[in-house]
C-alpha atoms as a PDB file:
ATOM      1  CA  MET A   1      88.424 -60.824  78.037  1.00  0.00           C
ATOM      2  CA  GLU A   2      88.187 -57.395  79.551  1.00  0.00           C
ATOM      3  CA  THR A   3      87.950 -53.923  78.010  1.00  0.00           C
ATOM      4  CA  THR A   4      87.476 -50.464  79.491  1.00  0.00           C
ATOM      5  CA  ASN A   5      83.713 -50.882  79.959  1.00  0.00           C
ATOM      6  CA  LEU A   6      83.055 -54.549  79.254  1.00  0.00           C
ATOM      7  CA  LEU A   7      83.735 -58.085  80.325  1.00  0.00           C
ATOM      8  CA  LEU A   8      83.436 -60.844  77.723  1.00  0.00           C
ATOM      9  CA  ARG A   9      82.864 -64.126  79.541  1.00  0.00           C
ATOM     10  CA  PRO A  10      81.215 -67.540  79.131  1.00  0.00           C
ATOM     11  CA  LEU A  11      77.464 -67.914  79.525  1.00  0.00           C
ATOM     12  CA  GLN A  12      76.113 -68.458  83.035  1.00  0.00           C
ATOM     13  CA  ASP A  13      72.719 -70.018  83.721  1.00  0.00           C
ATOM     14  CA  SER A  14      71.572 -66.755  85.311  1.00  0.00           C
ATOM     15  CA  ASP A  15      72.125 -64.918  81.962  1.00  0.00           C
ATOM     16  CA  GLU A  16      69.680 -66.946  79.906  1.00  0.00           C
ATOM     17  CA  GLU A  17      66.377 -65.256  80.708  1.00  0.00           C
ATOM     18  CA  LEU A  18      67.708 -61.722  80.197  1.00  0.00           C
ATOM     19  CA  LEU A  19      69.512 -62.596  76.946  1.00  0.00           C
ATOM     20  CA  LEU A  20      66.468 -64.434  75.639  1.00  0.00           C
ATOM     21  CA  GLY A  21      64.423 -61.281  76.237  1.00  0.00           C
ATOM     22  CA  TYR A  22      66.806 -59.315  74.016  1.00  0.00           C
ATOM     23  CA  VAL A  23      66.725 -61.765  71.108  1.00  0.00           C
ATOM     24  CA  LEU A  24      62.942 -62.046  71.169  1.00  0.00           C
ATOM     25  CA  ASN A  25      63.020 -58.466  69.876  1.00  0.00           C
ATOM     26  CA  PRO A  26      62.893 -58.943  66.071  1.00  0.00           C
ATOM     27  CA  LEU A  27      65.341 -56.070  65.574  1.00  0.00           C
ATOM     28  CA  VAL A  28      67.922 -58.079  67.522  1.00  0.00           C
ATOM     29  CA  GLY A  29      67.271 -61.790  66.972  1.00  0.00           C
ATOM     30  CA  GLU A  30      66.288 -61.668  63.325  1.00  0.00           C
ATOM     31  CA  ALA A  31      69.181 -59.332  62.471  1.00  0.00           C
ATOM     32  CA  ALA A  32      71.480 -61.962  64.001  1.00  0.00           C
ATOM     33  CA  GLY A  33      69.932 -64.664  61.815  1.00  0.00           C
ATOM     34  CA  TRP A  34      67.733 -66.609  64.213  1.00  0.00           C
ATOM     35  CA  ARG A  35      64.543 -66.429  66.134  1.00  0.00           C
ATOM     36  CA  PRO A  36      63.886 -68.420  69.300  1.00  0.00           C
ATOM     37  CA  PRO A  37      60.497 -70.126  69.117  1.00  0.00           C
ATOM     38  CA  ASN A  38      59.322 -68.574  72.383  1.00  0.00           C
ATOM     39  CA  ALA A  39      60.368 -67.188  75.743  1.00  0.00           C
ATOM     40  CA  GLY A  40      59.928 -70.565  77.480  1.00  0.00           C
ATOM     41  CA  ALA A  41      62.165 -73.550  78.038  1.00  0.00           C
ATOM     42  CA  SER A  42      62.676 -74.345  74.324  1.00  0.00           C
ATOM     43  CA  GLY A  43      63.861 -70.800  73.629  1.00  0.00           C
ATOM     44  CA  LYS A  44      66.315 -71.017  76.527  1.00  0.00           C
ATOM     45  CA  ARG A  45      67.613 -74.367  75.249  1.00  0.00           C
ATOM     46  CA  ILE A  46      68.266 -72.921  71.792  1.00  0.00           C
ATOM     47  CA  LEU A  47      70.003 -69.882  73.273  1.00  0.00           C
ATOM     48  CA  ALA A  48      72.147 -72.025  75.575  1.00  0.00           C
ATOM     49  CA  LYS A  49      73.133 -74.333  72.694  1.00  0.00           C
ATOM     50  CA  ILE A  50      74.305 -71.366  70.638  1.00  0.00           C
ATOM     51  CA  LEU A  51      76.148 -69.687  73.495  1.00  0.00           C
ATOM     52  CA  ARG A  52      77.778 -72.692  75.132  1.00  0.00           C
ATOM     53  CA  HIS A  53      80.284 -73.427  72.417  1.00  0.00           C
ATOM     54  CA  PRO A  54      83.974 -72.505  72.690  1.00  0.00           C
ATOM     55  CA  ASN A  55      84.863 -68.935  71.718  1.00  0.00           C
ATOM     56  CA  SER A  56      81.347 -67.664  72.437  1.00  0.00           C
ATOM     57  CA  PHE A  57      81.090 -64.906  75.022  1.00  0.00           C
ATOM     58  CA  VAL A  58      78.405 -62.953  76.821  1.00  0.00           C
ATOM     59  CA  VAL A  59      79.116 -59.221  76.617  1.00  0.00           C
ATOM     60  CA  THR A  60      78.566 -57.661  80.060  1.00  0.00           C
ATOM     61  CA  LEU A  61      78.826 -54.147  81.449  1.00  0.00           C
ATOM     62  CA  LYS A  62      81.400 -53.599  84.163  1.00  0.00           C
ATOM     63  CA  PRO A  63      81.465 -53.381  87.112  1.00  0.00           C
ATOM     64  CA  GLU A  64      78.025 -54.985  87.601  1.00  0.00           C
ATOM     65  CA  ASP A  65      78.694 -57.840  85.135  1.00  0.00           C
ATOM     66  CA  PHE A  66      75.295 -57.045  83.568  1.00  0.00           C
ATOM     67  CA  PRO A  67      74.663 -59.007  80.306  1.00  0.00           C
ATOM     68  CA  ILE A  68      73.902 -56.838  77.268  1.00  0.00           C
ATOM     69  CA  GLY A  69      74.645 -59.123  74.314  1.00  0.00           C
ATOM     70  CA  CYS A  70      76.898 -61.786  72.846  1.00  0.00           C
ATOM     71  CA  ILE A  71      79.864 -62.163  70.527  1.00  0.00           C
ATOM     72  CA  ALA A  72      81.296 -65.351  69.068  1.00  0.00           C
ATOM     73  CA  LEU A  73      84.145 -66.622  66.957  1.00  0.00           C
ATOM     74  CA  MET A  74      83.282 -69.654  64.850  1.00  0.00           C
ATOM     75  CA  LEU A  75      86.325 -71.582  63.695  1.00  0.00           C
ATOM     76  CA  TYR A  76      86.766 -73.677  60.563  1.00  0.00           C
ATOM     77  CA  GLY A  77      84.311 -76.571  60.636  1.00  0.00           C
ATOM     78  CA  LYS A  78      81.735 -74.587  62.661  1.00  0.00           C
ATOM     79  CA  SER A  79      81.694 -71.536  60.379  1.00  0.00           C
ATOM     80  CA  LYS A  80      79.724 -71.285  57.158  1.00  0.00           C
ATOM     81  CA  LEU A  81      82.342 -68.895  55.735  1.00  0.00           C
ATOM     82  CA  ALA A  82      85.815 -69.992  56.901  1.00  0.00           C
ATOM     83  CA  LYS A  83      87.523 -71.898  54.107  1.00  0.00           C
ATOM     84  CA  ASN A  84      90.442 -73.387  56.054  1.00  0.00           C
ATOM     85  CA  PRO A  85      91.808 -73.698  59.628  1.00  0.00           C
ATOM     86  CA  THR A  86      93.523 -70.284  59.468  1.00  0.00           C
ATOM     87  CA  GLU A  87      90.179 -68.505  59.097  1.00  0.00           C
ATOM     88  CA  GLY A  88      87.240 -67.814  61.373  1.00  0.00           C
ATOM     89  CA  GLU A  89      83.880 -66.093  61.314  1.00  0.00           C
ATOM     90  CA  ILE A  90      82.623 -63.523  63.782  1.00  0.00           C
ATOM     91  CA  GLY A  91      79.031 -62.943  64.834  1.00  0.00           C
ATOM     92  CA  PHE A  92      77.486 -60.718  67.472  1.00  0.00           C
ATOM     93  CA  TRP A  93      74.336 -59.070  68.753  1.00  0.00           C
ATOM     94  CA  LEU A  94      73.442 -56.518  71.382  1.00  0.00           C
ATOM     95  CA  GLY A  95      70.200 -55.767  73.245  1.00  0.00           C
ATOM     96  CA  GLN A  96      68.498 -52.850  71.486  1.00  0.00           C
ATOM     97  CA  GLU A  97      68.558 -50.610  74.556  1.00  0.00           C
ATOM     98  CA  PHE A  98      72.392 -50.732  74.439  1.00  0.00           C
ATOM     99  CA  TRP A  99      72.769 -49.668  70.814  1.00  0.00           C
ATOM    100  CA  GLY A 100      74.562 -46.416  70.058  1.00  0.00           C
ATOM    101  CA  HIS A 101      76.918 -46.412  73.062  1.00  0.00           C
ATOM    102  CA  GLY A 102      79.988 -47.944  71.390  1.00  0.00           C
ATOM    103  CA  TYR A 103      79.716 -51.200  73.327  1.00  0.00           C
ATOM    104  CA  MET A 104      79.795 -53.482  70.307  1.00  0.00           C
ATOM    105  CA  SER A 105      82.765 -51.575  68.876  1.00  0.00           C
ATOM    106  CA  GLU A 106      84.591 -52.227  72.131  1.00  0.00           C
ATOM    107  CA  ALA A 107      83.626 -55.917  72.170  1.00  0.00           C
ATOM    108  CA  LEU A 108      84.520 -56.373  68.497  1.00  0.00           C
ATOM    109  CA  GLU A 109      87.961 -54.844  69.033  1.00  0.00           C
ATOM    110  CA  ALA A 110      88.604 -57.304  71.878  1.00  0.00           C
ATOM    111  CA  MET A 111      87.357 -60.251  69.807  1.00  0.00           C
ATOM    112  CA  LEU A 112      89.515 -59.297  66.824  1.00  0.00           C
ATOM    113  CA  ALA A 113      92.581 -59.080  69.091  1.00  0.00           C
ATOM    114  CA  TYR A 114      91.695 -62.519  70.509  1.00  0.00           C
ATOM    115  CA  SER A 115      91.157 -63.959  67.011  1.00  0.00           C
ATOM    116  CA  PHE A 116      94.404 -62.677  65.536  1.00  0.00           C
ATOM    117  CA  THR A 117      96.766 -62.832  68.518  1.00  0.00           C
ATOM    118  CA  VAL A 118      95.523 -65.742  70.653  1.00  0.00           C
ATOM    119  CA  LYS A 119      93.917 -67.957  68.001  1.00  0.00           C
ATOM    120  CA  LYS A 120      96.515 -66.908  65.378  1.00  0.00           C
ATOM    121  CA  LEU A 121      93.958 -66.662  62.587  1.00  0.00           C
ATOM    122  CA  VAL A 122      94.895 -64.862  59.376  1.00  0.00           C
ATOM    123  CA  LYS A 123      91.398 -63.955  58.170  1.00  0.00           C
ATOM    124  CA  ILE A 124      88.075 -63.197  59.846  1.00  0.00           C
ATOM    125  CA  TRP A 125      84.829 -63.337  57.898  1.00  0.00           C
ATOM    126  CA  TYR A 126      81.718 -61.381  58.798  1.00  0.00           C
ATOM    127  CA  GLY A 127      78.336 -61.615  57.099  1.00  0.00           C
ATOM    128  CA  TYR A 128      75.328 -59.379  57.646  1.00  0.00           C
ATOM    129  CA  PHE A 129      71.915 -59.060  56.068  1.00  0.00           C
ATOM    130  CA  GLN A 130      71.650 -56.431  53.341  1.00  0.00           C
ATOM    131  CA  GLU A 131      69.101 -54.369  55.290  1.00  0.00           C
ATOM    132  CA  ASN A 132      71.273 -54.263  58.443  1.00  0.00           C
ATOM    133  CA  THR A 133      72.924 -50.879  57.918  1.00  0.00           C
ATOM    134  CA  GLN A 134      74.248 -50.747  61.506  1.00  0.00           C
ATOM    135  CA  SER A 135      76.307 -53.895  60.940  1.00  0.00           C
ATOM    136  CA  GLU A 136      77.461 -52.587  57.571  1.00  0.00           C
ATOM    137  CA  LYS A 137      78.760 -49.401  59.226  1.00  0.00           C
ATOM    138  CA  LEU A 138      80.464 -51.345  62.011  1.00  0.00           C
ATOM    139  CA  ALA A 139      82.184 -53.645  59.502  1.00  0.00           C
ATOM    140  CA  ALA A 140      83.459 -50.628  57.547  1.00  0.00           C
ATOM    141  CA  LYS A 141      84.666 -48.918  60.745  1.00  0.00           C
ATOM    142  CA  PHE A 142      86.871 -51.918  61.515  1.00  0.00           C
ATOM    143  CA  GLY A 143      88.233 -52.233  57.990  1.00  0.00           C
ATOM    144  CA  PHE A 144      86.274 -55.282  56.854  1.00  0.00           C
ATOM    145  CA  HIS A 145      86.173 -55.240  53.060  1.00  0.00           C
ATOM    146  CA  TYR A 146      83.369 -56.488  50.851  1.00  0.00           C
ATOM    147  CA  GLU A 147      84.015 -59.935  49.355  1.00  0.00           C
ATOM    148  CA  TYR A 148      80.720 -61.048  47.810  1.00  0.00           C
ATOM    149  CA  THR A 149      76.930 -61.229  48.203  1.00  0.00           C
ATOM    150  CA  ARG A 150      74.980 -64.383  48.933  1.00  0.00           C
ATOM    151  CA  ASN A 151      71.742 -63.702  47.086  1.00  0.00           C
ATOM    152  CA  TYR A 152      68.451 -65.100  48.241  1.00  0.00           C
ATOM    153  CA  THR A 153      69.771 -67.605  50.749  1.00  0.00           C
ATOM    154  CA  TYR A 154      67.204 -69.551  52.753  1.00  0.00           C
ATOM    155  CA  TRP A 155      67.672 -69.127  56.533  1.00  0.00           C
ATOM    156  CA  PRO A 156      65.837 -71.999  58.271  1.00  0.00           C
ATOM    157  CA  ALA A 157      65.990 -70.316  61.687  1.00  0.00           C
ATOM    158  CA  LEU A 158      64.073 -67.348  60.271  1.00  0.00           C
ATOM    159  CA  HIS A 159      61.941 -69.264  57.749  1.00  0.00           C
ATOM    160  CA  ALA A 160      62.962 -66.550  55.306  1.00  0.00           C
ATOM    161  CA  ILE A 161      64.986 -65.837  52.205  1.00  0.00           C
ATOM    162  CA  LYS A 162      67.698 -63.232  52.879  1.00  0.00           C
ATOM    163  CA  VAL A 163      70.435 -61.399  50.989  1.00  0.00           C
ATOM    164  CA  GLU A 164      73.700 -61.503  52.930  1.00  0.00           C
ATOM    165  CA  LYS A 165      76.749 -59.333  52.339  1.00  0.00           C
ATOM    166  CA  ILE A 166      80.016 -61.096  53.123  1.00  0.00           C
ATOM    167  CA  THR A 167      83.045 -59.128  54.299  1.00  0.00           C
ATOM    168  CA  ALA A 168      86.506 -60.078  55.533  1.00  0.00           C
ATOM    169  CA  LEU A 169      89.425 -58.670  57.482  1.00  0.00           C
ATOM    170  CA  THR A 170      92.946 -60.097  57.399  1.00  0.00           C
ATOM    171  CA  SER A 171      95.399 -60.030  60.277  1.00  0.00           C
ATOM    172  CA  ARG A 172      97.659 -57.727  58.195  1.00  0.00           C
ATOM    173  CA  GLU A 173      94.792 -55.285  57.629  1.00  0.00           C
ATOM    174  CA  TRP A 174      93.946 -55.384  61.333  1.00  0.00           C
ATOM    175  CA  LEU A 175      97.570 -54.747  62.339  1.00  0.00           C
ATOM    176  CA  ALA A 176      97.899 -51.879  59.844  1.00  0.00           C
ATOM    177  CA  ARG A 177      94.758 -50.275  61.303  1.00  0.00           C
ATOM    178  CA  LYS A 178      96.115 -50.685  64.841  1.00  0.00           C
ATOM    179  CA  ILE A 179      99.393 -48.947  63.921  1.00  0.00           C
ATOM    180  CA  GLN A 180      97.654 -45.875  62.438  1.00  0.00           C
END
């Protein structure tokens, strides 16, 4: 997928070290719900496992194709939120040095278009930790509406108990926003 400033593409082996460096930052990795054990081979294996599934994309800056983060669509069966095959769940993260430039807004718009027009989904779920106000603002900007809160859920990848807000966006809501 391509946007004005970004290319969303599959993971390449050459991306792993740079992306791992971003997620080792607790403000990035832990906000996304996981923490690699270290910067060595096991951390790279975990990162590659997460990013090498279908509908997972590295977000890169054009024209250099420089990796800055990731975005993924998890379909029914792989998602913890999708309740049937017409639903999916979106997740994303961006290296901290690229925050505040509108890059994730651009990537999210492309992923929503892909989810609703190519994958023909009717509902996209998005969950974020209660303390993650940046994700809360981004969800609101795109019209995701609050559905419920998962209180005190244990996250094995973080070895922590977290409160997660769950939001959703339907294809009709997305189309209505696009028309405005």
